[in-house]
Amino acid sequence: MHLVPADRAGRRAIDGHRVCDAVAAIGEPGHVRAWADRFSLLADAKRLALLLALHRTEPLAVSDLALATGMNDPAASQALRLLRAAGVVEREKDGRVVRYRVVDAEVRGLLAHCAAAEAGG
């Protein structure tokens, strides 16, 4: 059980080789934390709706996103601010109009999977 961290090395294992495979599959804690953070952003139905809309139509203005998702403009803006702070979306200003697009490649892949699952089922 060479991959088990030292603080857990003395614990009993039933299938030690599978434990090593599991540790390898989990990977670095920072990587796991980054994915957990992404999933927490997607766990909110309104944020996910915004991202799905952007995935299909980007770039899209805040007021248009609010209309498409049934949110009011301030709520959509707040959700987009959170997504922008997390590096998931970027904004483009055109005078007074602000449009957003998805820039996180991993989130884009998850959205494509969601859209494909919806289309297929």
PDB file of N, CA and C in Angstrom:
ATOM      1  N   MET A   1       0.845  -1.184   0.000  1.00  0.00           N
ATOM      2  CA  MET A   1       0.000   0.000   0.000  1.00  0.00           C
ATOM      3  C   MET A   1       0.887   1.243   0.000  1.00  0.00           C
ATOM      4  N   HIS A   2       1.673   1.344  -1.024  1.00  0.00           N
ATOM      5  CA  HIS A   2       2.661   2.405  -1.114  1.00  0.00           C
ATOM      6  C   HIS A   2       2.078   3.793  -1.364  1.00  0.00           C
ATOM      7  N   LEU A   3       0.842   3.900  -1.823  1.00  0.00           N
ATOM      8  CA  LEU A   3       0.249   5.211  -2.094  1.00  0.00           C
ATOM      9  C   LEU A   3      -0.548   5.780  -0.921  1.00  0.00           C
ATOM     10  N   VAL A   4      -0.747   4.971   0.112  1.00  0.00           N
ATOM     11  CA  VAL A   4      -1.507   5.430   1.266  1.00  0.00           C
ATOM     12  C   VAL A   4      -0.663   6.441   2.044  1.00  0.00           C
ATOM     13  N   PRO A   5      -1.212   7.613   2.337  1.00  0.00           N
ATOM     14  CA  PRO A   5      -0.455   8.607   3.109  1.00  0.00           C
ATOM     15  C   PRO A   5       0.005   8.045   4.448  1.00  0.00           C
ATOM     16  N   ALA A   6       1.128   8.541   4.908  1.00  0.00           N
ATOM     17  CA  ALA A   6       1.767   8.034   6.131  1.00  0.00           C
ATOM     18  C   ALA A   6       0.821   8.050   7.330  1.00  0.00           C
ATOM     19  N   ASP A   7      -0.043   9.053   7.427  1.00  0.00           N
ATOM     20  CA  ASP A   7      -0.938   9.135   8.588  1.00  0.00           C
ATOM     21  C   ASP A   7      -2.005   8.039   8.576  1.00  0.00           C
ATOM     22  N   ARG A   8      -2.158   7.328   7.463  1.00  0.00           N
ATOM     23  CA  ARG A   8      -3.125   6.228   7.376  1.00  0.00           C
ATOM     24  C   ARG A   8      -2.468   4.871   7.128  1.00  0.00           C
ATOM     25  N   ALA A   9      -1.151   4.834   7.076  1.00  0.00           N
ATOM     26  CA  ALA A   9      -0.431   3.613   6.697  1.00  0.00           C
ATOM     27  C   ALA A   9      -0.651   2.457   7.664  1.00  0.00           C
ATOM     28  N   GLY A  10      -0.900   2.708   8.918  1.00  0.00           N
ATOM     29  CA  GLY A  10      -1.068   1.642   9.898  1.00  0.00           C
ATOM     30  C   GLY A  10      -2.467   1.046   9.945  1.00  0.00           C
ATOM     31  N   ARG A  11      -3.385   1.593   9.177  1.00  0.00           N
ATOM     32  CA  ARG A  11      -4.769   1.101   9.203  1.00  0.00           C
ATOM     33  C   ARG A  11      -4.915  -0.161   8.367  1.00  0.00           C
ATOM     34  N   ARG A  12      -5.852  -1.002   8.771  1.00  0.00           N
ATOM     35  CA  ARG A  12      -6.083  -2.286   8.122  1.00  0.00           C
ATOM     36  C   ARG A  12      -6.769  -2.089   6.771  1.00  0.00           C
ATOM     37  N   ALA A  13      -6.321  -2.857   5.774  1.00  0.00           N
ATOM     38  CA  ALA A  13      -6.935  -2.838   4.446  1.00  0.00           C
ATOM     39  C   ALA A  13      -7.319  -4.260   4.065  1.00  0.00           C
ATOM     40  N   ILE A  14      -8.427  -4.412   3.412  1.00  0.00           N
ATOM     41  CA  ILE A  14      -8.871  -5.720   2.931  1.00  0.00           C
ATOM     42  C   ILE A  14      -8.224  -6.004   1.582  1.00  0.00           C
ATOM     43  N   ASP A  15      -8.307  -5.054   0.674  1.00  0.00           N
ATOM     44  CA  ASP A  15      -7.719  -5.185  -0.657  1.00  0.00           C
ATOM     45  C   ASP A  15      -6.738  -4.033  -0.866  1.00  0.00           C
ATOM     46  N   GLY A  16      -5.537  -4.208  -0.360  1.00  0.00           N
ATOM     47  CA  GLY A  16      -4.525  -3.147  -0.385  1.00  0.00           C
ATOM     48  C   GLY A  16      -4.257  -2.588  -1.764  1.00  0.00           C
ATOM     49  N   HIS A  17      -4.192  -3.449  -2.788  1.00  0.00           N
ATOM     50  CA  HIS A  17      -3.924  -2.955  -4.136  1.00  0.00           C
ATOM     51  C   HIS A  17      -5.063  -2.068  -4.640  1.00  0.00           C
ATOM     52  N   ARG A  18      -6.282  -2.378  -4.233  1.00  0.00           N
ATOM     53  CA  ARG A  18      -7.414  -1.528  -4.636  1.00  0.00           C
ATOM     54  C   ARG A  18      -7.392  -0.201  -3.886  1.00  0.00           C
ATOM     55  N   VAL A  19      -6.910  -0.228  -2.657  1.00  0.00           N
ATOM     56  CA  VAL A  19      -6.771   1.025  -1.906  1.00  0.00           C
ATOM     57  C   VAL A  19      -5.787   1.930  -2.633  1.00  0.00           C
ATOM     58  N   CYS A  20      -4.676   1.374  -3.095  1.00  0.00           N
ATOM     59  CA  CYS A  20      -3.696   2.168  -3.839  1.00  0.00           C
ATOM     60  C   CYS A  20      -4.304   2.722  -5.124  1.00  0.00           C
ATOM     61  N   ASP A  21      -5.080   1.894  -5.822  1.00  0.00           N
ATOM     62  CA  ASP A  21      -5.758   2.365  -7.029  1.00  0.00           C
ATOM     63  C   ASP A  21      -6.730   3.488  -6.697  1.00  0.00           C
ATOM     64  N   ALA A  22      -7.435   3.361  -5.576  1.00  0.00           N
ATOM     65  CA  ALA A  22      -8.397   4.386  -5.157  1.00  0.00           C
ATOM     66  C   ALA A  22      -7.680   5.690  -4.812  1.00  0.00           C
ATOM     67  N   VAL A  23      -6.547   5.593  -4.102  1.00  0.00           N
ATOM     68  CA  VAL A  23      -5.765   6.786  -3.759  1.00  0.00           C
ATOM     69  C   VAL A  23      -5.286   7.469  -5.036  1.00  0.00           C
ATOM     70  N   ALA A  24      -4.811   6.678  -5.995  1.00  0.00           N
ATOM     71  CA  ALA A  24      -4.351   7.239  -7.267  1.00  0.00           C
ATOM     72  C   ALA A  24      -5.505   7.901  -8.024  1.00  0.00           C
ATOM     73  N   ALA A  25      -6.692   7.292  -7.980  1.00  0.00           N
ATOM     74  CA  ALA A  25      -7.854   7.847  -8.672  1.00  0.00           C
ATOM     75  C   ALA A  25      -8.293   9.171  -8.065  1.00  0.00           C
ATOM     76  N   ILE A  26      -8.175   9.282  -6.761  1.00  0.00           N
ATOM     77  CA  ILE A  26      -8.561  10.522  -6.076  1.00  0.00           C
ATOM     78  C   ILE A  26      -7.621  11.658  -6.458  1.00  0.00           C
ATOM     79  N   GLY A  27      -6.350  11.383  -6.517  1.00  0.00           N
ATOM     80  CA  GLY A  27      -5.369  12.388  -6.923  1.00  0.00           C
ATOM     81  C   GLY A  27      -5.055  13.385  -5.825  1.00  0.00           C
ATOM     82  N   GLU A  28      -4.545  14.511  -6.256  1.00  0.00           N
ATOM     83  CA  GLU A  28      -4.117  15.558  -5.328  1.00  0.00           C
ATOM     84  C   GLU A  28      -5.311  16.237  -4.663  1.00  0.00           C
ATOM     85  N   PRO A  29      -5.211  16.512  -3.364  1.00  0.00           N
ATOM     86  CA  PRO A  29      -6.322  17.180  -2.670  1.00  0.00           C
ATOM     87  C   PRO A  29      -6.721  18.510  -3.298  1.00  0.00           C
ATOM     88  N   GLY A  30      -5.763  19.260  -3.809  1.00  0.00           N
ATOM     89  CA  GLY A  30      -6.082  20.545  -4.441  1.00  0.00           C
ATOM     90  C   GLY A  30      -6.931  20.372  -5.691  1.00  0.00           C
ATOM     91  N   HIS A  31      -6.661  19.320  -6.439  1.00  0.00           N
ATOM     92  CA  HIS A  31      -7.435  19.031  -7.644  1.00  0.00           C
ATOM     93  C   HIS A  31      -8.867  18.642  -7.261  1.00  0.00           C
ATOM     94  N   VAL A  32      -8.993  17.821  -6.230  1.00  0.00           N
ATOM     95  CA  VAL A  32     -10.317  17.406  -5.747  1.00  0.00           C
ATOM     96  C   VAL A  32     -11.094  18.632  -5.264  1.00  0.00           C
ATOM     97  N   ARG A  33     -10.420  19.520  -4.544  1.00  0.00           N
ATOM     98  CA  ARG A  33     -11.069  20.735  -4.036  1.00  0.00           C
ATOM     99  C   ARG A  33     -11.547  21.620  -5.189  1.00  0.00           C
ATOM    100  N   ALA A  34     -10.735  21.737  -6.240  1.00  0.00           N
ATOM    101  CA  ALA A  34     -11.107  22.555  -7.396  1.00  0.00           C
ATOM    102  C   ALA A  34     -12.368  22.006  -8.064  1.00  0.00           C
ATOM    103  N   TRP A  35     -12.448  20.674  -8.199  1.00  0.00           N
ATOM    104  CA  TRP A  35     -13.643  20.076  -8.796  1.00  0.00           C
ATOM    105  C   TRP A  35     -14.852  20.241  -7.881  1.00  0.00           C
ATOM    106  N   ALA A  36     -14.652  20.099  -6.584  1.00  0.00           N
ATOM    107  CA  ALA A  36     -15.762  20.291  -5.639  1.00  0.00           C
ATOM    108  C   ALA A  36     -16.285  21.720  -5.730  1.00  0.00           C
ATOM    109  N   ASP A  37     -15.372  22.681  -5.877  1.00  0.00           N
ATOM    110  CA  ASP A  37     -15.789  24.075  -6.020  1.00  0.00           C
ATOM    111  C   ASP A  37     -16.585  24.276  -7.306  1.00  0.00           C
ATOM    112  N   ARG A  38     -16.135  23.652  -8.396  1.00  0.00           N
ATOM    113  CA  ARG A  38     -16.887  23.749  -9.657  1.00  0.00           C
ATOM    114  C   ARG A  38     -18.287  23.172  -9.491  1.00  0.00           C
ATOM    115  N   PHE A  39     -18.353  21.995  -8.875  1.00  0.00           N
ATOM    116  CA  PHE A  39     -19.660  21.364  -8.700  1.00  0.00           C
ATOM    117  C   PHE A  39     -20.562  22.203  -7.798  1.00  0.00           C
ATOM    118  N   SER A  40     -19.998  22.883  -6.805  1.00  0.00           N
ATOM    119  CA  SER A  40     -20.833  23.721  -5.942  1.00  0.00           C
ATOM    120  C   SER A  40     -21.407  24.897  -6.730  1.00  0.00           C
ATOM    121  N   LEU A  41     -20.644  25.424  -7.695  1.00  0.00           N
ATOM    122  CA  LEU A  41     -21.179  26.485  -8.556  1.00  0.00           C
ATOM    123  C   LEU A  41     -22.336  25.968  -9.403  1.00  0.00           C
ATOM    124  N   LEU A  42     -22.223  24.723  -9.857  1.00  0.00           N
ATOM    125  CA  LEU A  42     -23.250  24.139 -10.719  1.00  0.00           C
ATOM    126  C   LEU A  42     -24.438  23.610  -9.931  1.00  0.00           C
ATOM    127  N   ALA A  43     -24.299  23.498  -8.620  1.00  0.00           N
ATOM    128  CA  ALA A  43     -25.353  22.918  -7.786  1.00  0.00           C
ATOM    129  C   ALA A  43     -26.561  23.839  -7.641  1.00  0.00           C
ATOM    130  N   ASP A  44     -26.398  25.111  -7.927  1.00  0.00           N
ATOM    131  CA  ASP A  44     -27.501  26.060  -7.859  1.00  0.00           C
ATOM    132  C   ASP A  44     -28.233  26.054  -9.197  1.00  0.00           C
ATOM    133  N   ALA A  45     -29.534  25.786  -9.184  1.00  0.00           N
ATOM    134  CA  ALA A  45     -30.310  25.646 -10.422  1.00  0.00           C
ATOM    135  C   ALA A  45     -30.292  26.915 -11.275  1.00  0.00           C
ATOM    136  N   LYS A  46     -30.335  28.075 -10.658  1.00  0.00           N
ATOM    137  CA  LYS A  46     -30.336  29.326 -11.430  1.00  0.00           C
ATOM    138  C   LYS A  46     -28.986  29.563 -12.100  1.00  0.00           C
ATOM    139  N   ARG A  47     -27.881  29.317 -11.372  1.00  0.00           N
ATOM    140  CA  ARG A  47     -26.559  29.469 -11.991  1.00  0.00           C
ATOM    141  C   ARG A  47     -26.382  28.462 -13.118  1.00  0.00           C
ATOM    142  N   LEU A  48     -26.838  27.231 -12.885  1.00  0.00           N
ATOM    143  CA  LEU A  48     -26.730  26.220 -13.930  1.00  0.00           C
ATOM    144  C   LEU A  48     -27.553  26.620 -15.151  1.00  0.00           C
ATOM    145  N   ALA A  49     -28.732  27.177 -14.938  1.00  0.00           N
ATOM    146  CA  ALA A  49     -29.561  27.639 -16.051  1.00  0.00           C
ATOM    147  C   ALA A  49     -28.841  28.730 -16.843  1.00  0.00           C
ATOM    148  N   LEU A  50     -28.214  29.667 -16.138  1.00  0.00           N
ATOM    149  CA  LEU A  50     -27.447  30.711 -16.818  1.00  0.00           C
ATOM    150  C   LEU A  50     -26.332  30.105 -17.674  1.00  0.00           C
ATOM    151  N   LEU A  51     -25.626  29.149 -17.100  1.00  0.00           N
ATOM    152  CA  LEU A  51     -24.518  28.529 -17.824  1.00  0.00           C
ATOM    153  C   LEU A  51     -24.995  27.716 -19.018  1.00  0.00           C
ATOM    154  N   LEU A  52     -26.104  27.006 -18.867  1.00  0.00           N
ATOM    155  CA  LEU A  52     -26.637  26.241 -19.992  1.00  0.00           C
ATOM    156  C   LEU A  52     -27.078  27.175 -21.121  1.00  0.00           C
ATOM    157  N   ALA A  53     -27.687  28.295 -20.763  1.00  0.00           N
ATOM    158  CA  ALA A  53     -28.082  29.273 -21.774  1.00  0.00           C
ATOM    159  C   ALA A  53     -26.856  29.827 -22.491  1.00  0.00           C
ATOM    160  N   LEU A  54     -25.828  30.162 -21.734  1.00  0.00           N
ATOM    161  CA  LEU A  54     -24.604  30.680 -22.339  1.00  0.00           C
ATOM    162  C   LEU A  54     -23.920  29.631 -23.199  1.00  0.00           C
ATOM    163  N   HIS A  55     -23.943  28.414 -22.743  1.00  0.00           N
ATOM    164  CA  HIS A  55     -23.308  27.334 -23.504  1.00  0.00           C
ATOM    165  C   HIS A  55     -23.914  27.226 -24.903  1.00  0.00           C
ATOM    166  N   ARG A  56     -25.189  27.442 -24.995  1.00  0.00           N
ATOM    167  CA  ARG A  56     -25.895  27.301 -26.274  1.00  0.00           C
ATOM    168  C   ARG A  56     -25.825  28.560 -27.137  1.00  0.00           C
ATOM    169  N   THR A  57     -25.777  29.745 -26.509  1.00  0.00           N
ATOM    170  CA  THR A  57     -25.992  30.980 -27.275  1.00  0.00           C
ATOM    171  C   THR A  57     -24.910  32.038 -27.144  1.00  0.00           C
ATOM    172  N   GLU A  58     -23.898  31.814 -26.338  1.00  0.00           N
ATOM    173  CA  GLU A  58     -22.989  32.907 -25.990  1.00  0.00           C
ATOM    174  C   GLU A  58     -22.478  33.672 -27.192  1.00  0.00           C
ATOM    175  N   PRO A  59     -22.089  34.929 -26.971  1.00  0.00           N
ATOM    176  CA  PRO A  59     -22.286  35.711 -25.753  1.00  0.00           C
ATOM    177  C   PRO A  59     -23.718  36.231 -25.659  1.00  0.00           C
ATOM    178  N   LEU A  60     -24.148  36.449 -24.426  1.00  0.00           N
ATOM    179  CA  LEU A  60     -25.515  36.900 -24.208  1.00  0.00           C
ATOM    180  C   LEU A  60     -25.527  37.988 -23.138  1.00  0.00           C
ATOM    181  N   ALA A  61     -26.367  38.999 -23.359  1.00  0.00           N
ATOM    182  CA  ALA A  61     -26.475  40.124 -22.431  1.00  0.00           C
ATOM    183  C   ALA A  61     -27.166  39.696 -21.140  1.00  0.00           C
ATOM    184  N   VAL A  62     -26.843  40.386 -20.071  1.00  0.00           N
ATOM    185  CA  VAL A  62     -27.394  40.071 -18.753  1.00  0.00           C
ATOM    186  C   VAL A  62     -28.920  40.091 -18.767  1.00  0.00           C
ATOM    187  N   SER A  63     -29.521  41.123 -19.333  1.00  0.00           N
ATOM    188  CA  SER A  63     -30.983  41.209 -19.334  1.00  0.00           C
ATOM    189  C   SER A  63     -31.601  40.074 -20.148  1.00  0.00           C
ATOM    190  N   ASP A  64     -30.936  39.662 -21.227  1.00  0.00           N
ATOM    191  CA  ASP A  64     -31.442  38.543 -22.021  1.00  0.00           C
ATOM    192  C   ASP A  64     -31.315  37.231 -21.251  1.00  0.00           C
ATOM    193  N   LEU A  65     -30.216  37.067 -20.533  1.00  0.00           N
ATOM    194  CA  LEU A  65     -30.045  35.883 -19.683  1.00  0.00           C
ATOM    195  C   LEU A  65     -31.108  35.840 -18.597  1.00  0.00           C
ATOM    196  N   ALA A  66     -31.379  36.991 -17.988  1.00  0.00           N
ATOM    197  CA  ALA A  66     -32.406  37.057 -16.945  1.00  0.00           C
ATOM    198  C   ALA A  66     -33.765  36.667 -17.516  1.00  0.00           C
ATOM    199  N   LEU A  67     -34.087  37.186 -18.683  1.00  0.00           N
ATOM    200  CA  LEU A  67     -35.352  36.856 -19.336  1.00  0.00           C
ATOM    201  C   LEU A  67     -35.430  35.361 -19.649  1.00  0.00           C
ATOM    202  N   ALA A  68     -34.365  34.801 -20.196  1.00  0.00           N
ATOM    203  CA  ALA A  68     -34.359  33.386 -20.577  1.00  0.00           C
ATOM    204  C   ALA A  68     -34.491  32.457 -19.374  1.00  0.00           C
ATOM    205  N   THR A  69     -33.927  32.847 -18.239  1.00  0.00           N
ATOM    206  CA  THR A  69     -33.913  31.977 -17.060  1.00  0.00           C
ATOM    207  C   THR A  69     -35.038  32.256 -16.077  1.00  0.00           C
ATOM    208  N   GLY A  70     -35.779  33.341 -16.293  1.00  0.00           N
ATOM    209  CA  GLY A  70     -36.844  33.697 -15.365  1.00  0.00           C
ATOM    210  C   GLY A  70     -36.350  34.424 -14.133  1.00  0.00           C
ATOM    211  N   MET A  71     -35.122  34.887 -14.171  1.00  0.00           N
ATOM    212  CA  MET A  71     -34.561  35.641 -13.047  1.00  0.00           C
ATOM    213  C   MET A  71     -34.809  37.131 -13.279  1.00  0.00           C
ATOM    214  N   ASN A  72     -34.695  37.919 -12.216  1.00  0.00           N
ATOM    215  CA  ASN A  72     -34.693  39.360 -12.426  1.00  0.00           C
ATOM    216  C   ASN A  72     -33.245  39.783 -12.724  1.00  0.00           C
ATOM    217  N   ASP A  73     -33.079  40.971 -13.297  1.00  0.00           N
ATOM    218  CA  ASP A  73     -31.752  41.422 -13.711  1.00  0.00           C
ATOM    219  C   ASP A  73     -30.735  41.454 -12.568  1.00  0.00           C
ATOM    220  N   PRO A  74     -31.088  41.997 -11.385  1.00  0.00           N
ATOM    221  CA  PRO A  74     -30.099  42.017 -10.306  1.00  0.00           C
ATOM    222  C   PRO A  74     -29.665  40.618  -9.857  1.00  0.00           C
ATOM    223  N   ALA A  75     -30.594  39.673  -9.810  1.00  0.00           N
ATOM    224  CA  ALA A  75     -30.235  38.306  -9.402  1.00  0.00           C
ATOM    225  C   ALA A  75     -29.325  37.658 -10.439  1.00  0.00           C
ATOM    226  N   ALA A  76     -29.622  37.865 -11.715  1.00  0.00           N
ATOM    227  CA  ALA A  76     -28.771  37.326 -12.772  1.00  0.00           C
ATOM    228  C   ALA A  76     -27.383  37.957 -12.706  1.00  0.00           C
ATOM    229  N   SER A  77     -27.329  39.264 -12.497  1.00  0.00           N
ATOM    230  CA  SER A  77     -26.039  39.951 -12.382  1.00  0.00           C
ATOM    231  C   SER A  77     -25.226  39.417 -11.216  1.00  0.00           C
ATOM    232  N   GLN A  78     -25.871  39.201 -10.093  1.00  0.00           N
ATOM    233  CA  GLN A  78     -25.171  38.689  -8.908  1.00  0.00           C
ATOM    234  C   GLN A  78     -24.625  37.293  -9.179  1.00  0.00           C
ATOM    235  N   ALA A  79     -25.419  36.430  -9.777  1.00  0.00           N
ATOM    236  CA  ALA A  79     -24.969  35.074 -10.084  1.00  0.00           C
ATOM    237  C   ALA A  79     -23.816  35.109 -11.078  1.00  0.00           C
ATOM    238  N   LEU A  80     -23.906  35.971 -12.067  1.00  0.00           N
ATOM    239  CA  LEU A  80     -22.830  36.092 -13.057  1.00  0.00           C
ATOM    240  C   LEU A  80     -21.558  36.652 -12.441  1.00  0.00           C
ATOM    241  N   ARG A  81     -21.691  37.560 -11.470  1.00  0.00           N
ATOM    242  CA  ARG A  81     -20.515  38.077 -10.747  1.00  0.00           C
ATOM    243  C   ARG A  81     -19.796  36.944 -10.030  1.00  0.00           C
ATOM    244  N   LEU A  82     -20.571  36.069  -9.386  1.00  0.00           N
ATOM    245  CA  LEU A  82     -19.997  34.926  -8.688  1.00  0.00           C
ATOM    246  C   LEU A  82     -19.288  33.985  -9.675  1.00  0.00           C
ATOM    247  N   LEU A  83     -19.928  33.715 -10.797  1.00  0.00           N
ATOM    248  CA  LEU A  83     -19.328  32.844 -11.814  1.00  0.00           C
ATOM    249  C   LEU A  83     -18.078  33.487 -12.422  1.00  0.00           C
ATOM    250  N   ARG A  84     -18.093  34.797 -12.565  1.00  0.00           N
ATOM    251  CA  ARG A  84     -16.921  35.504 -13.099  1.00  0.00           C
ATOM    252  C   ARG A  84     -15.772  35.476 -12.090  1.00  0.00           C
ATOM    253  N   ALA A  85     -16.085  35.671 -10.814  1.00  0.00           N
ATOM    254  CA  ALA A  85     -15.048  35.623  -9.776  1.00  0.00           C
ATOM    255  C   ALA A  85     -14.395  34.240  -9.708  1.00  0.00           C
ATOM    256  N   ALA A  86     -15.154  33.206 -10.038  1.00  0.00           N
ATOM    257  CA  ALA A  86     -14.630  31.843 -10.028  1.00  0.00           C
ATOM    258  C   ALA A  86     -13.904  31.501 -11.328  1.00  0.00           C
ATOM    259  N   GLY A  87     -13.904  32.405 -12.285  1.00  0.00           N
ATOM    260  CA  GLY A  87     -13.210  32.161 -13.540  1.00  0.00           C
ATOM    261  C   GLY A  87     -13.968  31.292 -14.524  1.00  0.00           C
ATOM    262  N   VAL A  88     -15.271  31.137 -14.302  1.00  0.00           N
ATOM    263  CA  VAL A  88     -16.087  30.287 -15.172  1.00  0.00           C
ATOM    264  C   VAL A  88     -16.581  31.059 -16.394  1.00  0.00           C
ATOM    265  N   VAL A  89     -16.910  32.333 -16.206  1.00  0.00           N
ATOM    266  CA  VAL A  89     -17.383  33.173 -17.313  1.00  0.00           C
ATOM    267  C   VAL A  89     -16.541  34.442 -17.379  1.00  0.00           C
ATOM    268  N   GLU A  90     -16.580  35.066 -18.545  1.00  0.00           N
ATOM    269  CA  GLU A  90     -15.979  36.386 -18.739  1.00  0.00           C
ATOM    270  C   GLU A  90     -17.038  37.300 -19.312  1.00  0.00           C
ATOM    271  N   ARG A  91     -16.853  38.589 -19.070  1.00  0.00           N
ATOM    272  CA  ARG A  91     -17.803  39.557 -19.599  1.00  0.00           C
ATOM    273  C   ARG A  91     -17.139  40.394 -20.680  1.00  0.00           C
ATOM    274  N   GLU A  92     -17.974  40.849 -21.598  1.00  0.00           N
ATOM    275  CA  GLU A  92     -17.551  41.746 -22.666  1.00  0.00           C
ATOM    276  C   GLU A  92     -18.462  42.961 -22.604  1.00  0.00           C
ATOM    277  N   LYS A  93     -17.868  44.143 -22.524  1.00  0.00           N
ATOM    278  CA  LYS A  93     -18.664  45.365 -22.483  1.00  0.00           C
ATOM    279  C   LYS A  93     -18.748  45.961 -23.880  1.00  0.00           C
ATOM    280  N   ASP A  94     -19.966  46.347 -24.241  1.00  0.00           N
ATOM    281  CA  ASP A  94     -20.223  47.031 -25.502  1.00  0.00           C
ATOM    282  C   ASP A  94     -21.074  48.240 -25.149  1.00  0.00           C
ATOM    283  N   GLY A  95     -20.404  49.330 -24.801  1.00  0.00           N
ATOM    284  CA  GLY A  95     -21.121  50.498 -24.298  1.00  0.00           C
ATOM    285  C   GLY A  95     -21.728  50.158 -22.941  1.00  0.00           C
ATOM    286  N   ARG A  96     -23.029  50.278 -22.833  1.00  0.00           N
ATOM    287  CA  ARG A  96     -23.712  49.961 -21.569  1.00  0.00           C
ATOM    288  C   ARG A  96     -24.134  48.506 -21.481  1.00  0.00           C
ATOM    289  N   VAL A  97     -24.008  47.768 -22.573  1.00  0.00           N
ATOM    290  CA  VAL A  97     -24.419  46.370 -22.609  1.00  0.00           C
ATOM    291  C   VAL A  97     -23.245  45.482 -22.199  1.00  0.00           C
ATOM    292  N   VAL A  98     -23.525  44.552 -21.289  1.00  0.00           N
ATOM    293  CA  VAL A  98     -22.518  43.594 -20.845  1.00  0.00           C
ATOM    294  C   VAL A  98     -22.988  42.210 -21.251  1.00  0.00           C
ATOM    295  N   ARG A  99     -22.141  41.533 -22.009  1.00  0.00           N
ATOM    296  CA  ARG A  99     -22.450  40.169 -22.447  1.00  0.00           C
ATOM    297  C   ARG A  99     -21.465  39.207 -21.797  1.00  0.00           C
ATOM    298  N   TYR A 100     -21.939  37.996 -21.543  1.00  0.00           N
ATOM    299  CA  TYR A 100     -21.118  36.980 -20.885  1.00  0.00           C
ATOM    300  C   TYR A 100     -20.932  35.775 -21.786  1.00  0.00           C
ATOM    301  N   ARG A 101     -19.815  35.053 -21.524  1.00  0.00           N
ATOM    302  CA  ARG A 101     -19.555  33.792 -22.200  1.00  0.00           C
ATOM    303  C   ARG A 101     -18.795  32.872 -21.254  1.00  0.00           C
ATOM    304  N   VAL A 102     -18.934  31.574 -21.457  1.00  0.00           N
ATOM    305  CA  VAL A 102     -18.252  30.569 -20.634  1.00  0.00           C
ATOM    306  C   VAL A 102     -16.812  30.450 -21.111  1.00  0.00           C
ATOM    307  N   VAL A 103     -15.857  30.499 -20.170  1.00  0.00           N
ATOM    308  CA  VAL A 103     -14.446  30.391 -20.535  1.00  0.00           C
ATOM    309  C   VAL A 103     -13.740  29.209 -19.864  1.00  0.00           C
ATOM    310  N   ASP A 104     -14.341  28.611 -18.862  1.00  0.00           N
ATOM    311  CA  ASP A 104     -13.729  27.467 -18.169  1.00  0.00           C
ATOM    312  C   ASP A 104     -13.955  26.210 -19.018  1.00  0.00           C
ATOM    313  N   ALA A 105     -12.874  25.627 -19.513  1.00  0.00           N
ATOM    314  CA  ALA A 105     -12.971  24.475 -20.413  1.00  0.00           C
ATOM    315  C   ALA A 105     -13.614  23.267 -19.741  1.00  0.00           C
ATOM    316  N   GLU A 106     -13.299  23.020 -18.477  1.00  0.00           N
ATOM    317  CA  GLU A 106     -13.884  21.876 -17.780  1.00  0.00           C
ATOM    318  C   GLU A 106     -15.385  22.049 -17.584  1.00  0.00           C
ATOM    319  N   VAL A 107     -15.797  23.252 -17.223  1.00  0.00           N
ATOM    320  CA  VAL A 107     -17.227  23.528 -17.066  1.00  0.00           C
ATOM    321  C   VAL A 107     -17.921  23.430 -18.422  1.00  0.00           C
ATOM    322  N   ARG A 108     -17.257  23.909 -19.452  1.00  0.00           N
ATOM    323  CA  ARG A 108     -17.822  23.801 -20.807  1.00  0.00           C
ATOM    324  C   ARG A 108     -18.068  22.326 -21.158  1.00  0.00           C
ATOM    325  N   GLY A 109     -17.137  21.449 -20.797  1.00  0.00           N
ATOM    326  CA  GLY A 109     -17.310  20.013 -21.037  1.00  0.00           C
ATOM    327  C   GLY A 109     -18.484  19.440 -20.262  1.00  0.00           C
ATOM    328  N   LEU A 110     -18.635  19.863 -19.006  1.00  0.00           N
ATOM    329  CA  LEU A 110     -19.771  19.408 -18.205  1.00  0.00           C
ATOM    330  C   LEU A 110     -21.092  19.890 -18.791  1.00  0.00           C
ATOM    331  N   LEU A 111     -21.113  21.116 -19.269  1.00  0.00           N
ATOM    332  CA  LEU A 111     -22.324  21.664 -19.876  1.00  0.00           C
ATOM    333  C   LEU A 111     -22.674  20.913 -21.154  1.00  0.00           C
ATOM    334  N   ALA A 112     -21.661  20.583 -21.933  1.00  0.00           N
ATOM    335  CA  ALA A 112     -21.907  19.813 -23.158  1.00  0.00           C
ATOM    336  C   ALA A 112     -22.499  18.452 -22.809  1.00  0.00           C
ATOM    337  N   HIS A 113     -22.002  17.849 -21.753  1.00  0.00           N
ATOM    338  CA  HIS A 113     -22.534  16.568 -21.318  1.00  0.00           C
ATOM    339  C   HIS A 113     -23.997  16.706 -20.861  1.00  0.00           C
ATOM    340  N   CYS A 114     -24.290  17.761 -20.101  1.00  0.00           N
ATOM    341  CA  CYS A 114     -25.674  18.015 -19.658  1.00  0.00           C
ATOM    342  C   CYS A 114     -26.586  18.227 -20.846  1.00  0.00           C
ATOM    343  N   ALA A 115     -26.136  19.017 -21.811  1.00  0.00           N
ATOM    344  CA  ALA A 115     -26.957  19.313 -22.983  1.00  0.00           C
ATOM    345  C   ALA A 115     -27.178  18.044 -23.806  1.00  0.00           C
ATOM    346  N   ALA A 116     -26.166  17.209 -23.938  1.00  0.00           N
ATOM    347  CA  ALA A 116     -26.302  15.957 -24.688  1.00  0.00           C
ATOM    348  C   ALA A 116     -27.242  15.001 -23.984  1.00  0.00           C
ATOM    349  N   ALA A 117     -27.154  14.940 -22.657  1.00  0.00           N
ATOM    350  CA  ALA A 117     -28.035  14.063 -21.887  1.00  0.00           C
ATOM    351  C   ALA A 117     -29.481  14.515 -22.012  1.00  0.00           C
ATOM    352  N   GLU A 118     -29.705  15.814 -22.015  1.00  0.00           N
ATOM    353  CA  GLU A 118     -31.055  16.370 -22.145  1.00  0.00           C
ATOM    354  C   GLU A 118     -31.615  16.069 -23.529  1.00  0.00           C
ATOM    355  N   ALA A 119     -30.779  16.197 -24.541  1.00  0.00           N
ATOM    356  CA  ALA A 119     -31.236  15.947 -25.913  1.00  0.00           C
ATOM    357  C   ALA A 119     -31.534  14.473 -26.147  1.00  0.00           C
ATOM    358  N   GLY A 120     -30.790  13.618 -25.447  1.00  0.00           N
ATOM    359  CA  GLY A 120     -30.974  12.186 -25.652  1.00  0.00           C
ATOM    360  C   GLY A 120     -32.036  11.571 -24.786  1.00  0.00           C
ATOM    361  N   GLY A 121     -32.477  12.263 -23.771  1.00  0.00           N
ATOM    362  CA  GLY A 121     -33.366  11.581 -22.865  1.00  0.00           C
ATOM    363  C   GLY A 121     -34.514  12.337 -22.420  1.00  0.00           C
TER     364      GLY A 121
END
